[in-house]
Structure formats: C-alpha cells, structure tokens
Protein backbone atom coordinates (compact mmCIF):
# COMPACT_ATOMS: atom_id res chain seq x y z
CA MET A 1 108.08 98.65 101.13
CA ARG A 2 106.17 101.80 100.38
CA ASP A 3 104.16 102.46 103.54
CA ILE A 4 103.90 101.17 107.11
CA HIS A 5 101.36 101.60 109.90
CA VAL A 6 101.82 100.21 113.42
CA ARG A 7 99.36 100.25 116.30
CA ILE A 8 100.73 99.33 119.74
CA LYS A 9 98.00 98.21 122.13
CA GLY A 10 100.03 96.44 124.81
CA GLN A 11 103.50 95.52 125.95
CA ILE A 12 105.83 92.79 124.78
CA PHE A 13 109.08 92.12 126.60
CA MET A 14 112.18 90.22 125.55
CA PHE A 15 111.64 86.45 125.80
CA ASP A 16 107.83 86.78 125.93
CA LYS A 17 106.11 84.06 123.95
CA ILE A 18 103.95 85.58 121.22
CA ASP A 19 101.92 84.37 118.26
CA VAL A 20 102.15 86.24 114.95
CA GLU A 21 99.43 86.11 112.33
CA LEU A 22 100.42 87.17 108.80
CA THR A 23 97.90 87.74 106.03
CA THR A 24 97.77 89.73 102.81
CA SER A 25 95.13 92.12 101.46
CA ASN A 26 94.51 94.83 98.85
CA ILE A 27 96.30 92.80 96.19
CA ASP A 28 96.55 94.28 92.72
CA GLU A 29 98.95 94.08 89.79
CA TYR A 30 101.59 96.33 91.39
CA SER A 31 101.17 96.19 95.16
CA PHE A 32 99.80 94.32 98.15
CA GLU A 33 99.62 94.69 101.91
CA PHE A 34 101.00 92.44 104.62
CA ASN A 35 98.84 92.52 107.76
CA TYR A 36 100.46 91.49 111.04
CA VAL A 37 98.81 90.74 114.38
CA PHE A 38 101.02 90.01 117.39
CA ARG A 39 99.24 88.22 120.25
CA LYS A 40 100.40 87.59 123.79
CA ASP A 41 98.30 85.24 125.91
CA GLY A 42 95.64 85.34 123.18
CA LYS A 43 95.31 89.14 123.33
CA SER A 44 96.27 91.39 120.40
CA VAL A 45 99.12 93.65 121.52
CA VAL A 46 100.42 94.98 118.20
CA SER A 47 98.89 95.24 114.74
CA ALA A 48 100.67 96.50 111.66
CA THR A 49 100.23 96.87 107.93
CA THR A 50 102.94 97.31 105.31
CA GLN A 51 102.25 98.19 101.69
CA ASN A 52 104.71 96.44 99.40
CA VAL A 53 105.66 97.05 95.77
CA TYR A 54 108.16 95.56 93.36
CA ILE A 55 110.79 97.87 91.87
CA ASP A 56 112.95 97.51 88.77
CA PRO A 57 116.32 98.54 90.27
CA ALA A 58 117.73 99.65 86.91
CA LYS A 59 114.84 102.03 86.21
CA MET A 60 113.76 102.71 89.81
CA ARG A 61 110.12 102.21 88.80
CA MET A 62 107.37 99.94 90.04
CA ILE A 63 106.87 96.74 88.09
CA PRO A 64 104.06 94.18 88.17
CA ILE A 65 104.30 91.50 90.84
CA PRO A 66 105.83 88.35 89.25
CA GLN A 67 103.08 85.77 88.71
CA ASP A 68 104.68 83.02 90.84
CA GLN A 69 104.98 85.42 93.76
CA LEU A 70 101.47 86.80 93.19
CA ASP A 71 100.12 83.25 93.34
CA PHE A 72 101.81 82.72 96.72
CA ILE A 73 100.70 86.10 98.09
CA LYS A 74 97.10 85.16 97.30
CA THR A 75 97.37 81.93 99.34
CA ILE A 76 97.50 83.95 102.57
CA GLU A 77 94.96 86.60 101.56
CA LYS A 78 92.81 87.88 104.41
CA PRO A 79 89.15 86.89 103.96
CA GLU A 80 86.74 89.75 103.18
CA LYS A 81 84.66 90.86 106.18
C-alpha cells in the first residue's frame, strides 16, 4: 500500500451490521486503487481509498502487476461516471 485516504461521515459501533462495497479504479501497469464504501442502514458512513503497488522484495522497487491479478482487479473496476 502506498497511500490511504479515509473520510468518516457517521458512526459505526461494535456489532453494528454494515454493508461494504469494494471496487477498483485508476488501474495501470504498476498500481491501482481500492475504493471502499461502508454503509449502515443504507447510508454511507465511511469511504476510503487505498493506492496499491507491487514490490519486488529483493530490489525494493515497484514491479508490474502480475497479469492474473490484473485480470481479477479489473473484474471489480468502478464504472466511469
């Protein structure tokens, strides 16, 4: 994970029932974003975005996203507005 942004718009308490929507966006050869929306009673209470990259641990450098994982990431891509 390279970057994270969280926006808290409401409260969630332990044992509350929530729905979580997970999509991806801004996909390129080296990175992509996960987009999270947490809903309680149908109302968005938290939204977050994480930017994710793949790292070669031996060289500590970014590497391209493996094709099989890129294919999966694209299956949950957020539609353009």
